Amino acid sequence: MKAYAEMTREELAEEIAALKKEYRKFQNMELHLDMSRGKPCQEQLDLSMEMMDVLKSGSDLTCEDGTDCRNYGGLTGIEEARELLGDMMENNPKDIIIFGNSSLNVMYDTVARAFTHGVMGCTPWCKLEKVKFLCPVPGYDRHFAITEHFGIEMIPVPMTTTGPQMDLVEKLVAEDETIKGIWCVPKYSNPQGYSYSDETVRRFARLKPAARDFRIYWDNAYGMHHLYDDKQDYLIEILAECKRAGNPDLVYKFASTSKITFPGSGIAALATSPNNMDDFCNTLKFQTIGHDKVNQLRHVRFFGDIHGMVEHMRKHADILRPKFETVENTLKEELEGLGIGTWTCPLGGYFIHFESLPNCAKAIVARAKKAGMIMTKAGATWPYGKDPYDTSIRIAPTYPSASDIALAAKLFALCVKLVSAEKLLEEKKQESAQAQEA
């Protein structure tokens, strides 16, 4: 089929009529499809059910160093968990703090702590007239929600296939001391599935921020979430690179087992420099005596070591890979050559990003909803939920069943075609009217 932009008004009108007929068929199915969030499906959650059996009432809940996991203590986590998460994050266990189930919670607390008590002796942000964050776009809506909640001004920075536009990042942080941080999802980014290049990571490590309390919020949420054994993105380890560059305190690195075991009861971790560790613990000791050590031990006993986790993630990939390929193949079959959108084909992570024609994303998501499919709100991948181009749509293929994802992909492609054809027909009508007036 020829590109929609090359069609005549009559051809577009015929195409729209055919698409509407097909759309009504989907509406008559009374579908209830959920592609709103990047949640693990039931089959993925079932992979970890044996973890519920590794600790029983008669189990020895003592760590190798003699710590009784049932009792108080252990502010930074049990040593076995720090070793396991250290291998997962590619960091020294001594540089890691184990938290509760949510890395997002740790990020929120980190921003809150900076507001109330400052960063390593710097002025608390609550006492500053202005605080700003850089936000790679499209990006993760929950990151943006944290900074918006605290009234932090968010500055969009365009994402490229190799990471944020670093010329702009370097310029902004060097010139403006009110910029205190940048959100990063460096591997299989949310939502595009891009991974930062070696050059990008090295440039991050060599930033020269005007603000002494500037930090990179490095959310390595998808570090182990590959879809393929033979095709995987590689990421330079940021803390080691910062140390080599003479900037050891520049990064807070976050991760968790949320999409590895159970999102509601995994374990989260922060890796950072010794100085940042001391700064964290000086406040953390007033917040808690220690996080859930029994759950930490449960994870360690379930995986055994990093090799057990790697094998576990292969099982996740076997479940997710066909879903991603179904969406990608459907988009290719239905949309390729029409000139009405582009999409990413990531090697890992949880999302596919779709870029529509300008001023079409909201209408596409609305069309999908009317036919029974819920998607992430259009614009959510931008600060304040405002995509100035109205083109960004996040596709989350993980949660629906294999049969549902096939339906969802076809419905989505149909909505893209219908909205795009209607927009182009309207533009052609306007052009024709303007020509007649002239």
Protein backbone atom coordinates (compact mmCIF):
# COMPACT_ATOMS: atom_id res chain seq x y z
CA MET A 1 0.00 0.00 0.00
CA LYS A 2 1.21 3.50 -0.76
CA ALA A 3 2.07 5.95 2.01
CA TYR A 4 -0.95 7.73 3.42
CA ALA A 5 0.53 11.16 2.67
CA GLU A 6 0.65 10.25 -1.03
CA MET A 7 -3.02 9.28 -1.17
CA THR A 8 -5.65 11.52 -2.70
CA ARG A 9 -8.57 12.78 -0.65
CA GLU A 10 -10.79 10.17 -2.25
CA GLU A 11 -8.35 7.35 -1.47
CA LEU A 12 -8.02 8.47 2.13
CA ALA A 13 -11.81 8.65 2.50
CA GLU A 14 -12.14 5.08 1.20
CA GLU A 15 -9.38 3.91 3.55
CA ILE A 16 -11.06 5.57 6.53
CA ALA A 17 -14.38 3.92 5.72
CA ALA A 18 -12.74 0.49 5.60
CA LEU A 19 -10.80 1.14 8.81
CA LYS A 20 -13.93 2.25 10.68
CA LYS A 21 -15.69 -0.94 9.65
CA GLU A 22 -12.80 -2.99 11.06
CA TYR A 23 -12.71 -0.82 14.20
CA ARG A 24 -16.40 -1.54 14.88
CA LYS A 25 -15.59 -5.26 14.83
CA PHE A 26 -13.12 -4.73 17.65
CA GLN A 27 -15.65 -2.68 19.59
CA ASN A 28 -18.19 -5.49 19.27
CA MET A 29 -15.72 -7.91 20.91
CA GLU A 30 -16.13 -6.02 24.22
CA LEU A 31 -12.41 -6.36 24.95
CA HIS A 32 -10.74 -5.65 28.28
CA LEU A 33 -7.04 -5.32 27.45
CA ASP A 34 -4.57 -3.73 29.88
CA MET A 35 -1.36 -2.32 28.42
CA SER A 36 -1.20 0.58 30.86
CA ARG A 37 1.86 -0.35 32.95
CA GLY A 38 4.99 -2.46 32.66
CA LYS A 39 3.83 -5.18 35.02
CA PRO A 40 5.02 -8.79 35.04
CA CYS A 41 2.36 -11.26 33.93
CA GLN A 42 1.14 -14.16 36.03
CA GLU A 43 3.52 -16.62 34.34
CA GLN A 44 6.47 -14.43 35.33
CA LEU A 45 5.30 -14.19 38.93
CA ASP A 46 4.88 -17.97 39.02
CA LEU A 47 8.60 -18.34 38.27
CA SER A 48 9.40 -17.20 41.80
CA MET A 49 6.81 -19.17 43.74
CA GLU A 50 9.42 -21.64 45.03
CA MET A 51 10.96 -18.72 46.91
CA MET A 52 8.01 -19.04 49.29
CA ASP A 53 9.28 -22.48 50.30
CA VAL A 54 12.96 -21.77 50.94
CA LEU A 55 12.22 -20.50 54.47
CA LYS A 56 9.97 -22.49 56.82
CA SER A 57 9.25 -22.39 60.54
CA GLY A 58 12.10 -24.81 61.12
CA SER A 59 14.61 -23.00 58.87
CA ASP A 60 17.85 -21.62 60.21
CA LEU A 61 17.45 -17.85 59.80
CA THR A 62 21.01 -17.07 60.82
CA CYS A 63 23.40 -15.42 58.38
CA GLU A 64 26.97 -16.58 57.83
CA ASP A 65 28.25 -13.89 60.21
CA GLY A 66 25.85 -15.02 62.94
CA THR A 67 23.18 -12.34 62.39
CA ASP A 68 19.69 -13.53 63.36
CA CYS A 69 17.49 -12.19 60.55
CA ARG A 70 14.44 -12.20 62.80
CA ASN A 71 15.82 -9.49 65.03
CA TYR A 72 16.73 -5.80 64.88
CA GLY A 73 19.88 -4.44 63.24
CA GLY A 74 21.71 -4.48 59.95
CA LEU A 75 21.17 -0.93 58.68
CA THR A 76 22.84 -1.59 55.31
CA GLY A 77 21.51 -5.13 54.86
CA ILE A 78 22.84 -8.64 55.43
CA GLU A 79 26.21 -9.38 53.81
CA GLU A 80 24.87 -12.21 51.63
CA ALA A 81 22.26 -9.89 50.10
CA ARG A 82 24.82 -7.15 49.53
CA GLU A 83 27.01 -9.69 47.72
CA LEU A 84 24.14 -10.93 45.55
CA LEU A 85 22.92 -7.45 44.64
CA GLY A 86 26.54 -6.33 44.24
CA ASP A 87 27.02 -8.98 41.55
CA MET A 88 23.72 -8.00 39.96
CA MET A 89 24.68 -4.32 39.90
CA GLU A 90 28.39 -4.91 39.16
CA ASN A 91 29.45 -3.12 42.33
CA ASN A 92 31.47 -3.83 45.45
CA PRO A 93 29.14 -5.14 48.20
CA LYS A 94 30.68 -2.58 50.59
CA ASP A 95 29.28 0.19 48.39
CA ILE A 96 25.69 -1.09 48.59
CA ILE A 97 22.77 -0.45 50.94
CA ILE A 98 19.87 -2.92 50.83
CA PHE A 99 16.44 -1.33 51.33
CA GLY A 100 12.84 -2.53 51.26
CA ASN A 101 10.85 -3.70 48.25
CA SER A 102 10.85 -0.53 46.12
CA SER A 103 13.70 1.34 44.44
CA LEU A 104 11.18 4.08 43.56
CA ASN A 105 10.67 4.55 47.30
CA VAL A 106 14.45 4.91 47.73
CA MET A 107 14.56 7.54 44.97
CA TYR A 108 11.70 9.46 46.58
CA ASP A 109 13.42 9.36 49.98
CA THR A 110 16.70 10.48 48.40
CA VAL A 111 15.05 13.58 46.95
CA ALA A 112 13.18 14.21 50.21
CA ARG A 113 16.40 13.91 52.22
CA ALA A 114 18.09 16.45 49.96
CA PHE A 115 15.18 18.82 50.60
CA THR A 116 15.20 18.48 54.37
CA HIS A 117 18.89 17.97 55.16
CA GLY A 118 20.87 18.71 52.02
CA VAL A 119 23.50 16.60 50.28
CA MET A 120 26.82 16.09 52.07
CA GLY A 121 26.68 19.33 54.00
CA CYS A 122 25.20 21.49 51.24
CA THR A 123 22.24 23.80 51.81
CA PRO A 124 18.95 21.86 52.12
CA TRP A 125 16.95 22.31 48.94
CA CYS A 126 13.95 23.56 50.92
CA LYS A 127 15.96 26.68 51.71
CA LEU A 128 16.82 27.39 48.08
CA GLU A 129 14.78 29.69 45.88
CA LYS A 130 14.93 27.34 42.90
CA VAL A 131 15.74 23.65 42.32
CA LYS A 132 15.87 22.08 38.86
CA PHE A 133 16.28 18.58 37.39
CA LEU A 134 17.18 17.48 33.89
CA CYS A 135 14.73 14.98 32.41
CA PRO A 136 15.64 12.93 29.33
CA VAL A 137 12.56 12.71 27.10
CA PRO A 138 10.77 10.56 26.43
CA GLY A 139 11.34 9.17 29.91
CA TYR A 140 9.87 7.44 32.95
CA ASP A 141 6.68 9.07 34.22
CA ARG A 142 7.18 8.02 37.84
CA HIS A 143 10.57 9.74 37.93
CA PHE A 144 8.93 12.92 36.71
CA ALA A 145 6.12 12.52 39.24
CA ILE A 146 8.62 12.57 42.13
CA THR A 147 10.26 15.82 41.06
CA GLU A 148 6.90 17.40 40.23
CA HIS A 149 5.62 16.41 43.69
CA PHE A 150 8.46 18.38 45.29
CA GLY A 151 7.94 21.40 43.06
CA ILE A 152 11.23 20.89 41.24
CA GLU A 153 11.43 22.54 37.84
CA MET A 154 11.97 19.91 35.16
CA ILE A 155 14.02 20.65 32.05
CA PRO A 156 13.52 18.25 29.11
CA VAL A 157 16.65 16.92 27.40
CA PRO A 158 16.17 15.00 24.14
CA MET A 159 17.03 11.29 24.14
CA THR A 160 19.00 9.78 21.27
CA THR A 161 19.74 6.14 20.45
CA THR A 162 22.94 6.46 22.52
CA GLY A 163 21.46 8.27 25.54
CA PRO A 164 20.61 11.87 26.47
CA GLN A 165 21.93 14.66 24.24
CA MET A 166 25.19 15.09 26.15
CA ASP A 167 26.27 18.41 24.63
CA LEU A 168 23.17 19.95 26.17
CA VAL A 169 23.54 18.07 29.48
CA GLU A 170 27.16 19.20 29.88
CA LYS A 171 26.31 22.80 29.04
CA LEU A 172 23.32 23.05 31.38
CA VAL A 173 24.92 21.47 34.47
CA ALA A 174 28.09 23.51 34.05
CA GLU A 175 26.26 26.83 33.77
CA ASP A 176 23.39 26.53 36.26
CA GLU A 177 24.00 25.71 39.92
CA THR A 178 20.26 25.36 40.55
CA ILE A 179 20.33 22.11 38.52
CA LYS A 180 20.70 19.45 41.20
CA GLY A 181 20.13 16.21 39.34
CA ILE A 182 19.25 14.26 36.24
CA TRP A 183 17.03 11.19 35.92
CA CYS A 184 18.59 8.32 33.97
CA VAL A 185 17.41 4.84 32.94
CA PRO A 186 20.68 3.88 31.29
CA LYS A 187 19.97 0.34 30.11
CA TYR A 188 16.92 -0.61 28.03
CA SER A 189 15.50 2.80 28.85
CA ASN A 190 11.89 3.47 29.72
CA PRO A 191 10.17 3.79 27.25
CA GLN A 192 12.42 3.46 24.19
CA GLY A 193 14.57 0.52 25.23
CA TYR A 194 17.80 2.36 24.37
CA SER A 195 21.07 1.76 26.24
CA TYR A 196 23.67 4.44 26.83
CA SER A 197 26.80 4.17 24.70
CA ASP A 198 30.30 3.93 26.17
CA GLU A 199 30.92 7.56 25.22
CA THR A 200 27.72 8.71 26.93
CA VAL A 201 28.60 6.94 30.20
CA ARG A 202 32.12 8.37 30.14
CA ARG A 203 30.79 11.86 29.51
CA PHE A 204 28.40 11.47 32.44
CA ALA A 205 31.30 10.46 34.67
CA ARG A 206 33.24 13.53 33.59
CA LEU A 207 30.50 16.12 34.10
CA LYS A 208 31.59 19.33 35.76
CA PRO A 209 28.45 20.57 37.50
CA ALA A 210 28.24 24.06 38.93
CA ALA A 211 26.33 22.66 41.92
CA ARG A 212 28.40 20.72 44.46
CA ASP A 213 25.27 18.76 45.39
CA PHE A 214 24.43 17.74 41.82
CA ARG A 215 23.85 13.99 41.50
CA ILE A 216 23.05 11.59 38.66
CA TYR A 217 20.03 9.48 39.61
CA TRP A 218 21.07 6.32 37.76
CA ASP A 219 18.07 3.96 37.78
CA ASN A 220 19.43 0.70 36.39
CA ALA A 221 16.03 -0.97 36.63
CA TYR A 222 16.54 -3.25 33.63
CA GLY A 223 20.18 -4.24 34.05
CA MET A 224 19.42 -7.97 33.76
CA HIS A 225 16.27 -7.81 31.66
CA HIS A 226 17.56 -9.11 28.33
CA LEU A 227 15.23 -10.64 25.77
CA TYR A 228 17.92 -12.61 23.94
CA ASP A 229 20.94 -14.69 24.91
CA ASP A 230 22.90 -13.84 21.79
CA LYS A 231 21.93 -10.16 21.45
CA GLN A 232 22.38 -8.05 24.57
CA ASP A 233 23.24 -4.43 25.25
CA TYR A 234 26.33 -3.74 27.36
CA LEU A 235 26.66 -0.84 29.78
CA ILE A 236 29.86 0.56 31.28
CA GLU A 237 29.70 0.51 35.08
CA ILE A 238 29.16 4.14 36.08
CA LEU A 239 30.62 4.19 39.62
CA ALA A 240 33.96 2.79 38.51
CA GLU A 241 34.02 5.26 35.63
CA CYS A 242 33.28 8.17 37.99
CA LYS A 243 36.10 7.07 40.27
CA ARG A 244 38.51 6.96 37.32
CA ALA A 245 37.36 10.43 36.29
CA GLY A 246 37.93 11.89 39.77
CA ASN A 247 34.18 12.29 40.40
CA PRO A 248 33.50 9.44 42.88
CA ASP A 249 30.50 11.11 44.56
CA LEU A 250 28.60 12.03 41.39
CA VAL A 251 26.16 9.09 41.19
CA TYR A 252 23.35 7.42 43.09
CA LYS A 253 22.78 4.05 41.41
CA PHE A 254 19.44 2.34 42.06
CA ALA A 255 18.22 -1.18 41.32
CA SER A 256 15.80 -3.78 42.64
CA THR A 257 14.47 -7.29 42.14
CA SER A 258 10.96 -5.94 41.53
CA LYS A 259 10.67 -7.42 38.03
CA ILE A 260 12.91 -10.37 38.90
CA THR A 261 10.93 -11.91 41.77
CA PHE A 262 7.79 -10.23 43.13
CA PRO A 263 7.24 -6.47 42.50
CA GLY A 264 5.37 -6.14 45.78
CA SER A 265 7.98 -7.91 47.89
CA GLY A 266 11.37 -7.76 46.24
CA ILE A 267 14.46 -6.01 47.58
CA ALA A 268 15.85 -2.67 46.46
CA ALA A 269 19.43 -1.43 46.60
CA LEU A 270 21.53 1.70 46.27
CA ALA A 271 25.15 1.64 45.15
CA THR A 272 27.24 4.76 45.63
CA SER A 273 30.54 6.16 46.94
CA PRO A 274 31.72 5.79 50.56
CA ASN A 275 31.08 9.52 51.13
CA ASN A 276 27.52 9.26 49.84
CA MET A 277 27.05 6.06 51.85
CA ASP A 278 27.98 7.89 55.06
CA ASP A 279 25.64 10.75 54.14
CA PHE A 280 22.76 8.31 53.56
CA CYS A 281 23.35 6.34 56.73
CA ASN A 282 23.58 9.46 58.90
CA THR A 283 19.93 10.06 58.11
CA LEU A 284 18.80 6.48 57.52
CA LYS A 285 19.72 5.52 61.10
CA PHE A 286 16.91 7.79 62.32
CA GLN A 287 14.46 6.34 59.81
CA THR A 288 14.89 2.62 60.48
CA ILE A 289 16.89 0.11 62.51
CA GLY A 290 17.09 -2.08 59.44
CA HIS A 291 14.99 -3.32 56.56
CA ASP A 292 13.42 -6.77 56.15
CA LYS A 293 16.35 -9.15 56.62
CA VAL A 294 14.16 -12.26 56.38
CA ASN A 295 13.16 -11.25 52.85
CA GLN A 296 16.80 -10.53 52.01
CA LEU A 297 17.76 -14.01 53.21
CA ARG A 298 14.85 -15.53 51.26
CA HIS A 299 16.18 -14.01 48.04
CA VAL A 300 19.72 -15.21 48.73
CA ARG A 301 18.62 -18.77 49.49
CA PHE A 302 16.35 -18.84 46.41
CA PHE A 303 18.99 -17.69 43.89
CA GLY A 304 22.09 -19.06 45.59
CA ASP A 305 24.30 -16.68 43.63
CA ILE A 306 24.34 -14.47 40.53
CA HIS A 307 24.39 -17.53 38.25
CA GLY A 308 21.05 -18.61 39.69
CA MET A 309 19.66 -15.14 38.99
CA VAL A 310 20.95 -15.20 35.41
CA GLU A 311 19.23 -18.54 34.77
CA HIS A 312 16.06 -17.18 36.36
CA MET A 313 16.11 -14.17 34.02
CA ARG A 314 16.39 -16.50 31.01
CA LYS A 315 13.02 -17.91 32.02
CA HIS A 316 11.59 -14.38 32.12
CA ALA A 317 12.99 -13.74 28.65
CA ASP A 318 11.37 -16.90 27.28
CA ILE A 319 7.99 -15.55 28.40
CA LEU A 320 8.48 -11.95 27.25
CA ARG A 321 10.37 -12.38 23.98
CA PRO A 322 7.39 -13.75 21.98
CA LYS A 323 5.20 -10.88 23.22
CA PHE A 324 7.67 -8.22 22.10
CA GLU A 325 8.14 -9.96 18.76
CA THR A 326 4.38 -10.20 18.26
CA VAL A 327 4.01 -6.43 18.72
CA GLU A 328 7.02 -5.61 16.55
CA ASN A 329 5.97 -7.98 13.74
CA THR A 330 2.38 -6.72 13.81
CA LEU A 331 3.49 -3.10 13.59
CA LYS A 332 5.77 -4.00 10.69
CA GLU A 333 3.05 -5.92 8.84
CA GLU A 334 0.36 -3.30 9.40
CA LEU A 335 2.24 0.01 9.30
CA GLU A 336 5.50 -0.35 7.40
CA GLY A 337 5.60 1.91 4.35
CA LEU A 338 2.58 3.98 5.37
CA GLY A 339 4.71 6.82 6.76
CA ILE A 340 2.53 7.27 9.83
CA GLY A 341 4.80 6.21 12.67
CA THR A 342 8.05 4.67 13.87
CA TRP A 343 8.77 2.31 16.74
CA THR A 344 11.69 0.85 18.66
CA CYS A 345 12.70 -2.83 18.71
CA PRO A 346 14.60 -3.12 22.00
CA LEU A 347 16.79 -6.04 23.03
CA GLY A 348 15.53 -5.89 26.60
CA GLY A 349 13.55 -3.97 29.18
CA TYR A 350 9.79 -3.67 29.43
CA PHE A 351 8.62 -1.27 26.74
CA ILE A 352 8.36 -0.44 23.06
CA HIS A 353 8.14 3.23 22.16
CA PHE A 354 5.90 4.38 19.30
CA GLU A 355 6.30 7.78 17.65
CA SER A 356 3.16 8.87 15.81
CA LEU A 357 2.53 11.72 13.39
CA PRO A 358 2.42 15.09 15.19
CA ASN A 359 -0.76 15.75 17.19
CA CYS A 360 -1.97 12.15 16.96
CA ALA A 361 -0.81 10.31 20.10
CA LYS A 362 -3.68 11.38 22.38
CA ALA A 363 -6.25 10.53 19.74
CA ILE A 364 -4.70 7.09 19.14
CA VAL A 365 -4.74 6.22 22.85
CA ALA A 366 -8.33 7.50 23.12
CA ARG A 367 -9.40 5.37 20.15
CA ALA A 368 -7.81 2.31 21.74
CA LYS A 369 -9.63 2.97 25.01
CA LYS A 370 -13.00 3.20 23.25
CA ALA A 371 -12.36 -0.25 21.81
CA GLY A 372 -11.49 -1.76 25.20
CA MET A 373 -7.71 -1.32 25.49
CA ILE A 374 -6.12 0.79 28.24
CA MET A 375 -2.67 2.24 27.52
CA THR A 376 -0.35 4.58 29.36
CA LYS A 377 -1.70 8.11 29.01
CA ALA A 378 -0.27 9.87 25.97
CA GLY A 379 2.20 12.50 27.13
CA ALA A 380 3.13 10.59 30.29
CA THR A 381 6.67 10.17 28.96
CA TRP A 382 7.22 13.94 29.27
CA PRO A 383 7.51 16.12 32.41
CA TYR A 384 4.12 17.33 33.67
CA GLY A 385 2.49 14.88 31.23
CA LYS A 386 2.80 17.43 28.44
CA ASP A 387 4.28 16.17 25.18
CA PRO A 388 4.60 19.35 23.08
CA TYR A 389 4.50 17.32 19.87
CA ASP A 390 1.77 14.84 20.93
CA THR A 391 3.67 11.95 19.31
CA SER A 392 4.95 9.75 22.17
CA ILE A 393 3.17 6.49 23.07
CA ARG A 394 4.53 3.85 25.44
CA ILE A 395 3.57 0.26 24.61
CA ALA A 396 3.77 -2.21 27.51
CA PRO A 397 3.61 -5.76 26.11
CA THR A 398 4.46 -7.68 29.30
CA TYR A 399 1.20 -8.05 31.24
CA PRO A 400 -1.38 -9.32 28.70
CA SER A 401 -1.51 -12.99 27.74
CA ALA A 402 0.03 -14.12 24.45
CA SER A 403 -3.40 -14.23 22.79
CA ASP A 404 -4.39 -10.84 24.19
CA ILE A 405 -1.14 -9.21 23.07
CA ALA A 406 -1.79 -10.35 19.49
CA LEU A 407 -5.24 -8.72 19.61
CA ALA A 408 -3.86 -5.62 21.32
CA ALA A 409 -1.14 -5.14 18.71
CA LYS A 410 -3.64 -5.37 15.85
CA LEU A 411 -6.04 -2.99 17.57
CA PHE A 412 -3.26 -0.51 18.25
CA ALA A 413 -2.07 -0.59 14.64
CA LEU A 414 -5.66 -0.09 13.48
CA CYS A 415 -6.06 2.96 15.75
CA VAL A 416 -2.80 4.40 14.41
CA LYS A 417 -4.01 4.00 10.82
CA LEU A 418 -7.46 5.43 11.51
CA VAL A 419 -6.30 8.50 13.43
CA SER A 420 -3.47 9.18 10.98
CA ALA A 421 -5.70 8.87 7.90
CA GLU A 422 -8.30 11.20 9.42
CA LYS A 423 -5.62 13.76 10.28
CA LEU A 424 -4.07 13.68 6.80
CA LEU A 425 -7.48 13.92 5.13
CA GLU A 426 -8.34 16.95 7.25
CA GLU A 427 -5.04 18.57 6.29
CA LYS A 428 -5.68 17.95 2.61
CA LYS A 429 -9.14 19.51 2.92
CA GLN A 430 -7.66 22.56 4.60
CA GLU A 431 -4.98 22.87 1.92
CA SER A 432 -7.63 22.65 -0.78
CA ALA A 433 -9.76 25.31 0.91
CA GLN A 434 -6.79 27.63 1.26
CA ALA A 435 -5.88 27.14 -2.38
CA GLN A 436 -9.41 28.07 -3.46
CA GLU A 437 -9.35 31.18 -1.30
CA ALA A 438 -6.06 32.22 -2.85
